[in-house]
Amino acid sequence: MENKGCKFSSETKEYMKQNLENTFLNCSNHLSDQDRNEIGKTSAALSKIMFLKLGKDEACKGHASLYPKRIYN
């Protein structure tokens, strides 16, 4: 989302990074390369739809709201 112009706080960036790392650690052994690629394509498509339908400001706010706090797995 940052490559589309979103500006996230350092705290939100840290939560995003942690969530990504936790997801990779917990799921990577259970997913095939094809499944990982499909998840990536779907995520990119959803980001594009959010920007088109909501506009930049709302899409950025919506994405940031997915990471309100530190997530422990």
PDB file of N, CA and C in Angstrom:
ATOM      1  N   MET A   1       0.820  -1.195   0.000  1.00  0.00           N
ATOM      2  CA  MET A   1       0.000   0.000   0.000  1.00  0.00           C
ATOM      3  C   MET A   1       0.867   1.262   0.000  1.00  0.00           C
ATOM      4  N   GLU A   2       2.040   1.193   0.602  1.00  0.00           N
ATOM      5  CA  GLU A   2       2.902   2.374   0.600  1.00  0.00           C
ATOM      6  C   GLU A   2       3.343   2.737  -0.810  1.00  0.00           C
ATOM      7  N   ASN A   3       3.506   1.728  -1.652  1.00  0.00           N
ATOM      8  CA  ASN A   3       3.899   2.026  -3.032  1.00  0.00           C
ATOM      9  C   ASN A   3       2.781   2.716  -3.800  1.00  0.00           C
ATOM     10  N   LYS A   4       1.583   2.753  -3.228  1.00  0.00           N
ATOM     11  CA  LYS A   4       0.462   3.465  -3.837  1.00  0.00           C
ATOM     12  C   LYS A   4       0.253   4.837  -3.202  1.00  0.00           C
ATOM     13  N   GLY A   5       1.137   5.204  -2.268  1.00  0.00           N
ATOM     14  CA  GLY A   5       1.070   6.537  -1.688  1.00  0.00           C
ATOM     15  C   GLY A   5       0.599   6.609  -0.253  1.00  0.00           C
ATOM     16  N   CYS A   6       0.318   5.472   0.384  1.00  0.00           N
ATOM     17  CA  CYS A   6      -0.104   5.496   1.786  1.00  0.00           C
ATOM     18  C   CYS A   6       1.082   5.839   2.676  1.00  0.00           C
ATOM     19  N   LYS A   7       0.821   6.624   3.689  1.00  0.00           N
ATOM     20  CA  LYS A   7       1.833   6.974   4.684  1.00  0.00           C
ATOM     21  C   LYS A   7       1.386   6.370   6.012  1.00  0.00           C
ATOM     22  N   PHE A   8       2.127   5.382   6.503  1.00  0.00           N
ATOM     23  CA  PHE A   8       1.782   4.722   7.750  1.00  0.00           C
ATOM     24  C   PHE A   8       2.742   5.154   8.846  1.00  0.00           C
ATOM     25  N   SER A   9       2.230   5.194  10.079  1.00  0.00           N
ATOM     26  CA  SER A   9       3.093   5.531  11.214  1.00  0.00           C
ATOM     27  C   SER A   9       4.115   4.416  11.411  1.00  0.00           C
ATOM     28  N   SER A  10       5.188   4.736  12.099  1.00  0.00           N
ATOM     29  CA  SER A  10       6.221   3.722  12.342  1.00  0.00           C
ATOM     30  C   SER A  10       5.652   2.572  13.172  1.00  0.00           C
ATOM     31  N   GLU A  11       4.723   2.877  14.076  1.00  0.00           N
ATOM     32  CA  GLU A  11       4.100   1.838  14.894  1.00  0.00           C
ATOM     33  C   GLU A  11       3.283   0.883  14.017  1.00  0.00           C
ATOM     34  N   THR A  12       2.479   1.441  13.115  1.00  0.00           N
ATOM     35  CA  THR A  12       1.680   0.611  12.218  1.00  0.00           C
ATOM     36  C   THR A  12       2.582  -0.221  11.314  1.00  0.00           C
ATOM     37  N   LYS A  13       3.661   0.378  10.816  1.00  0.00           N
ATOM     38  CA  LYS A  13       4.607  -0.375   9.976  1.00  0.00           C
ATOM     39  C   LYS A  13       5.192  -1.557  10.738  1.00  0.00           C
ATOM     40  N   GLU A  14       5.505  -1.351  12.015  1.00  0.00           N
ATOM     41  CA  GLU A  14       6.054  -2.437  12.833  1.00  0.00           C
ATOM     42  C   GLU A  14       5.032  -3.561  12.986  1.00  0.00           C
ATOM     43  N   TYR A  15       3.762  -3.206  13.213  1.00  0.00           N
ATOM     44  CA  TYR A  15       2.715  -4.217  13.353  1.00  0.00           C
ATOM     45  C   TYR A  15       2.521  -4.974  12.038  1.00  0.00           C
ATOM     46  N   MET A  16       2.582  -4.255  10.920  1.00  0.00           N
ATOM     47  CA  MET A  16       2.454  -4.906   9.613  1.00  0.00           C
ATOM     48  C   MET A  16       3.588  -5.900   9.399  1.00  0.00           C
ATOM     49  N   LYS A  17       4.791  -5.468   9.722  1.00  0.00           N
ATOM     50  CA  LYS A  17       5.974  -6.328   9.553  1.00  0.00           C
ATOM     51  C   LYS A  17       5.846  -7.573  10.427  1.00  0.00           C
ATOM     52  N   GLN A  18       5.446  -7.380  11.679  1.00  0.00           N
ATOM     53  CA  GLN A  18       5.306  -8.512  12.586  1.00  0.00           C
ATOM     54  C   GLN A  18       4.230  -9.474  12.089  1.00  0.00           C
ATOM     55  N   ASN A  19       3.107  -8.928  11.628  1.00  0.00           N
ATOM     56  CA  ASN A  19       2.026  -9.774  11.142  1.00  0.00           C
ATOM     57  C   ASN A  19       2.485 -10.592   9.941  1.00  0.00           C
ATOM     58  N   LEU A  20       3.205  -9.950   9.025  1.00  0.00           N
ATOM     59  CA  LEU A  20       3.716 -10.648   7.845  1.00  0.00           C
ATOM     60  C   LEU A  20       4.672 -11.766   8.250  1.00  0.00           C
ATOM     61  N   GLU A  21       5.569 -11.471   9.174  1.00  0.00           N
ATOM     62  CA  GLU A  21       6.520 -12.483   9.636  1.00  0.00           C
ATOM     63  C   GLU A  21       5.805 -13.640  10.327  1.00  0.00           C
ATOM     64  N   ASN A  22       4.828 -13.327  11.175  1.00  0.00           N
ATOM     65  CA  ASN A  22       4.078 -14.381  11.866  1.00  0.00           C
ATOM     66  C   ASN A  22       3.308 -15.240  10.879  1.00  0.00           C
ATOM     67  N   THR A  23       2.682 -14.593   9.902  1.00  0.00           N
ATOM     68  CA  THR A  23       1.922 -15.331   8.898  1.00  0.00           C
ATOM     69  C   THR A  23       2.844 -16.253   8.116  1.00  0.00           C
ATOM     70  N   PHE A  24       3.997 -15.734   7.709  1.00  0.00           N
ATOM     71  CA  PHE A  24       4.942 -16.550   6.951  1.00  0.00           C
ATOM     72  C   PHE A  24       5.425 -17.724   7.789  1.00  0.00           C
ATOM     73  N   LEU A  25       5.795 -17.467   9.044  1.00  0.00           N
ATOM     74  CA  LEU A  25       6.308 -18.536   9.905  1.00  0.00           C
ATOM     75  C   LEU A  25       5.257 -19.600  10.175  1.00  0.00           C
ATOM     76  N   ASN A  26       4.007 -19.178  10.353  1.00  0.00           N
ATOM     77  CA  ASN A  26       2.953 -20.124  10.709  1.00  0.00           C
ATOM     78  C   ASN A  26       2.354 -20.855   9.514  1.00  0.00           C
ATOM     79  N   CYS A  27       2.418 -20.250   8.338  1.00  0.00           N
ATOM     80  CA  CYS A  27       1.708 -20.809   7.188  1.00  0.00           C
ATOM     81  C   CYS A  27       2.598 -21.343   6.078  1.00  0.00           C
ATOM     82  N   SER A  28       3.824 -20.871   5.990  1.00  0.00           N
ATOM     83  CA  SER A  28       4.632 -21.189   4.810  1.00  0.00           C
ATOM     84  C   SER A  28       4.852 -22.682   4.615  1.00  0.00           C
ATOM     85  N   ASN A  29       4.968 -23.423   5.688  1.00  0.00           N
ATOM     86  CA  ASN A  29       5.183 -24.866   5.551  1.00  0.00           C
ATOM     87  C   ASN A  29       3.951 -25.598   5.046  1.00  0.00           C
ATOM     88  N   HIS A  30       2.791 -24.955   5.129  1.00  0.00           N
ATOM     89  CA  HIS A  30       1.538 -25.612   4.758  1.00  0.00           C
ATOM     90  C   HIS A  30       1.032 -25.185   3.387  1.00  0.00           C
ATOM     91  N   LEU A  31       1.702 -24.225   2.754  1.00  0.00           N
ATOM     92  CA  LEU A  31       1.231 -23.713   1.468  1.00  0.00           C
ATOM     93  C   LEU A  31       2.206 -24.066   0.355  1.00  0.00           C
ATOM     94  N   SER A  32       1.648 -24.405  -0.782  1.00  0.00           N
ATOM     95  CA  SER A  32       2.485 -24.652  -1.957  1.00  0.00           C
ATOM     96  C   SER A  32       2.879 -23.306  -2.563  1.00  0.00           C
ATOM     97  N   ASP A  33       3.849 -23.330  -3.459  1.00  0.00           N
ATOM     98  CA  ASP A  33       4.243 -22.100  -4.161  1.00  0.00           C
ATOM     99  C   ASP A  33       3.061 -21.515  -4.911  1.00  0.00           C
ATOM    100  N   GLN A  34       2.251 -22.367  -5.519  1.00  0.00           N
ATOM    101  CA  GLN A  34       1.082 -21.900  -6.269  1.00  0.00           C
ATOM    102  C   GLN A  34       0.097 -21.187  -5.341  1.00  0.00           C
ATOM    103  N   ASP A  35      -0.160 -21.769  -4.175  1.00  0.00           N
ATOM    104  CA  ASP A  35      -1.073 -21.136  -3.218  1.00  0.00           C
ATOM    105  C   ASP A  35      -0.540 -19.785  -2.756  1.00  0.00           C
ATOM    106  N   ARG A  36       0.759 -19.704  -2.475  1.00  0.00           N
ATOM    107  CA  ARG A  36       1.351 -18.432  -2.053  1.00  0.00           C
ATOM    108  C   ARG A  36       1.215 -17.385  -3.155  1.00  0.00           C
ATOM    109  N   ASN A  37       1.430 -17.786  -4.398  1.00  0.00           N
ATOM    110  CA  ASN A  37       1.287 -16.850  -5.518  1.00  0.00           C
ATOM    111  C   ASN A  37      -0.150 -16.374  -5.665  1.00  0.00           C
ATOM    112  N   GLU A  38      -1.106 -17.276  -5.492  1.00  0.00           N
ATOM    113  CA  GLU A  38      -2.519 -16.898  -5.591  1.00  0.00           C
ATOM    114  C   GLU A  38      -2.903 -15.917  -4.489  1.00  0.00           C
ATOM    115  N   ILE A  39      -2.410 -16.153  -3.283  1.00  0.00           N
ATOM    116  CA  ILE A  39      -2.692 -15.238  -2.166  1.00  0.00           C
ATOM    117  C   ILE A  39      -2.111 -13.859  -2.467  1.00  0.00           C
ATOM    118  N   GLY A  40      -0.905 -13.815  -2.991  1.00  0.00           N
ATOM    119  CA  GLY A  40      -0.283 -12.540  -3.345  1.00  0.00           C
ATOM    120  C   GLY A  40      -1.058 -11.796  -4.415  1.00  0.00           C
ATOM    121  N   LYS A  41      -1.511 -12.513  -5.452  1.00  0.00           N
ATOM    122  CA  LYS A  41      -2.279 -11.871  -6.528  1.00  0.00           C
ATOM    123  C   LYS A  41      -3.612 -11.352  -6.007  1.00  0.00           C
ATOM    124  N   THR A  42      -4.264 -12.138  -5.153  1.00  0.00           N
ATOM    125  CA  THR A  42      -5.546 -11.722  -4.588  1.00  0.00           C
ATOM    126  C   THR A  42      -5.371 -10.481  -3.726  1.00  0.00           C
ATOM    127  N   SER A  43      -4.336 -10.443  -2.920  1.00  0.00           N
ATOM    128  CA  SER A  43      -4.063  -9.292  -2.065  1.00  0.00           C
ATOM    129  C   SER A  43      -3.829  -8.038  -2.899  1.00  0.00           C
ATOM    130  N   ALA A  44      -3.058  -8.157  -3.967  1.00  0.00           N
ATOM    131  CA  ALA A  44      -2.796  -7.009  -4.842  1.00  0.00           C
ATOM    132  C   ALA A  44      -4.081  -6.538  -5.511  1.00  0.00           C
ATOM    133  N   ALA A  45      -4.920  -7.476  -5.941  1.00  0.00           N
ATOM    134  CA  ALA A  45      -6.183  -7.119  -6.589  1.00  0.00           C
ATOM    135  C   ALA A  45      -7.105  -6.396  -5.612  1.00  0.00           C
ATOM    136  N   LEU A  46      -7.158  -6.869  -4.368  1.00  0.00           N
ATOM    137  CA  LEU A  46      -8.009  -6.214  -3.371  1.00  0.00           C
ATOM    138  C   LEU A  46      -7.526  -4.803  -3.063  1.00  0.00           C
ATOM    139  N   SER A  47      -6.220  -4.609  -3.016  1.00  0.00           N
ATOM    140  CA  SER A  47      -5.681  -3.263  -2.796  1.00  0.00           C
ATOM    141  C   SER A  47      -6.109  -2.330  -3.917  1.00  0.00           C
ATOM    142  N   LYS A  48      -6.030  -2.808  -5.147  1.00  0.00           N
ATOM    143  CA  LYS A  48      -6.414  -1.992  -6.302  1.00  0.00           C
ATOM    144  C   LYS A  48      -7.895  -1.625  -6.239  1.00  0.00           C
ATOM    145  N   ILE A  49      -8.731  -2.590  -5.876  1.00  0.00           N
ATOM    146  CA  ILE A  49     -10.171  -2.333  -5.765  1.00  0.00           C
ATOM    147  C   ILE A  49     -10.446  -1.307  -4.672  1.00  0.00           C
ATOM    148  N   MET A  50      -9.760  -1.431  -3.530  1.00  0.00           N
ATOM    149  CA  MET A  50      -9.956  -0.462  -2.445  1.00  0.00           C
ATOM    150  C   MET A  50      -9.640   0.952  -2.919  1.00  0.00           C
ATOM    151  N   PHE A  51      -8.549   1.116  -3.656  1.00  0.00           N
ATOM    152  CA  PHE A  51      -8.176   2.443  -4.145  1.00  0.00           C
ATOM    153  C   PHE A  51      -9.199   2.970  -5.142  1.00  0.00           C
ATOM    154  N   LEU A  52      -9.654   2.112  -6.046  1.00  0.00           N
ATOM    155  CA  LEU A  52     -10.608   2.548  -7.066  1.00  0.00           C
ATOM    156  C   LEU A  52     -11.958   2.905  -6.461  1.00  0.00           C
ATOM    157  N   LYS A  53     -12.437   2.105  -5.524  1.00  0.00           N
ATOM    158  CA  LYS A  53     -13.774   2.307  -4.961  1.00  0.00           C
ATOM    159  C   LYS A  53     -13.807   3.344  -3.843  1.00  0.00           C
ATOM    160  N   LEU A  54     -12.763   3.384  -3.025  1.00  0.00           N
ATOM    161  CA  LEU A  54     -12.778   4.245  -1.842  1.00  0.00           C
ATOM    162  C   LEU A  54     -11.968   5.522  -1.986  1.00  0.00           C
ATOM    163  N   GLY A  55     -11.038   5.526  -2.914  1.00  0.00           N
ATOM    164  CA  GLY A  55     -10.115   6.645  -3.008  1.00  0.00           C
ATOM    165  C   GLY A  55      -8.923   6.410  -2.098  1.00  0.00           C
ATOM    166  N   LYS A  56      -7.866   7.164  -2.350  1.00  0.00           N
ATOM    167  CA  LYS A  56      -6.600   6.941  -1.643  1.00  0.00           C
ATOM    168  C   LYS A  56      -6.726   7.074  -0.131  1.00  0.00           C
ATOM    169  N   ASP A  57      -7.306   8.167   0.353  1.00  0.00           N
ATOM    170  CA  ASP A  57      -7.344   8.408   1.800  1.00  0.00           C
ATOM    171  C   ASP A  57      -8.092   7.310   2.552  1.00  0.00           C
ATOM    172  N   GLU A  58      -9.268   6.945   2.061  1.00  0.00           N
ATOM    173  CA  GLU A  58     -10.062   5.913   2.737  1.00  0.00           C
ATOM    174  C   GLU A  58      -9.410   4.542   2.624  1.00  0.00           C
ATOM    175  N   ALA A  59      -8.817   4.252   1.485  1.00  0.00           N
ATOM    176  CA  ALA A  59      -8.137   2.961   1.311  1.00  0.00           C
ATOM    177  C   ALA A  59      -6.959   2.849   2.271  1.00  0.00           C
ATOM    178  N   CYS A  60      -6.201   3.918   2.414  1.00  0.00           N
ATOM    179  CA  CYS A  60      -5.054   3.904   3.331  1.00  0.00           C
ATOM    180  C   CYS A  60      -5.514   3.749   4.777  1.00  0.00           C
ATOM    181  N   LYS A  61      -6.556   4.494   5.153  1.00  0.00           N
ATOM    182  CA  LYS A  61      -7.080   4.391   6.519  1.00  0.00           C
ATOM    183  C   LYS A  61      -7.607   2.987   6.786  1.00  0.00           C
ATOM    184  N   GLY A  62      -8.319   2.445   5.808  1.00  0.00           N
ATOM    185  CA  GLY A  62      -8.871   1.098   5.955  1.00  0.00           C
ATOM    186  C   GLY A  62      -7.785   0.057   6.121  1.00  0.00           C
ATOM    187  N   HIS A  63      -6.728   0.178   5.342  1.00  0.00           N
ATOM    188  CA  HIS A  63      -5.635  -0.787   5.438  1.00  0.00           C
ATOM    189  C   HIS A  63      -4.925  -0.661   6.785  1.00  0.00           C
ATOM    190  N   ALA A  64      -4.674   0.555   7.224  1.00  0.00           N
ATOM    191  CA  ALA A  64      -4.002   0.764   8.511  1.00  0.00           C
ATOM    192  C   ALA A  64      -4.838   0.215   9.661  1.00  0.00           C
ATOM    193  N   SER A  65      -6.166   0.266   9.543  1.00  0.00           N
ATOM    194  CA  SER A  65      -7.030  -0.205  10.626  1.00  0.00           C
ATOM    195  C   SER A  65      -6.939  -1.717  10.822  1.00  0.00           C
ATOM    196  N   LEU A  66      -6.362  -2.435   9.849  1.00  0.00           N
ATOM    197  CA  LEU A  66      -6.191  -3.878   9.997  1.00  0.00           C
ATOM    198  C   LEU A  66      -5.081  -4.218  10.988  1.00  0.00           C
ATOM    199  N   TYR A  67      -4.274  -3.220  11.343  1.00  0.00           N
ATOM    200  CA  TYR A  67      -3.113  -3.442  12.211  1.00  0.00           C
ATOM    201  C   TYR A  67      -3.168  -2.507  13.415  1.00  0.00           C
ATOM    202  N   PRO A  68      -4.190  -2.667  14.276  1.00  0.00           N
ATOM    203  CA  PRO A  68      -4.362  -1.715  15.378  1.00  0.00           C
ATOM    204  C   PRO A  68      -3.425  -1.932  16.556  1.00  0.00           C
ATOM    205  N   LYS A  69      -2.865  -3.113  16.668  1.00  0.00           N
ATOM    206  CA  LYS A  69      -2.020  -3.394  17.825  1.00  0.00           C
ATOM    207  C   LYS A  69      -1.080  -4.545  17.498  1.00  0.00           C
ATOM    208  N   ARG A  70      -0.166  -4.778  18.400  1.00  0.00           N
ATOM    209  CA  ARG A  70       0.785  -5.880  18.231  1.00  0.00           C
ATOM    210  C   ARG A  70       0.017  -7.205  18.274  1.00  0.00           C
ATOM    211  N   ILE A  71       0.354  -8.083  17.361  1.00  0.00           N
ATOM    212  CA  ILE A  71      -0.331  -9.369  17.262  1.00  0.00           C
ATOM    213  C   ILE A  71       0.642 -10.468  17.675  1.00  0.00           C
ATOM    214  N   TYR A  72       0.238 -11.252  18.636  1.00  0.00           N
ATOM    215  CA  TYR A  72       1.097 -12.351  19.092  1.00  0.00           C
ATOM    216  C   TYR A  72       0.502 -13.671  18.646  1.00  0.00           C
ATOM    217  N   ASN A  73       1.323 -14.508  18.057  1.00  0.00           N
ATOM    218  CA  ASN A  73       0.880 -15.857  17.663  1.00  0.00           C
ATOM    219  C   ASN A  73       1.629 -16.880  18.489  1.00  0.00           C
TER     220      ASN A  73
END
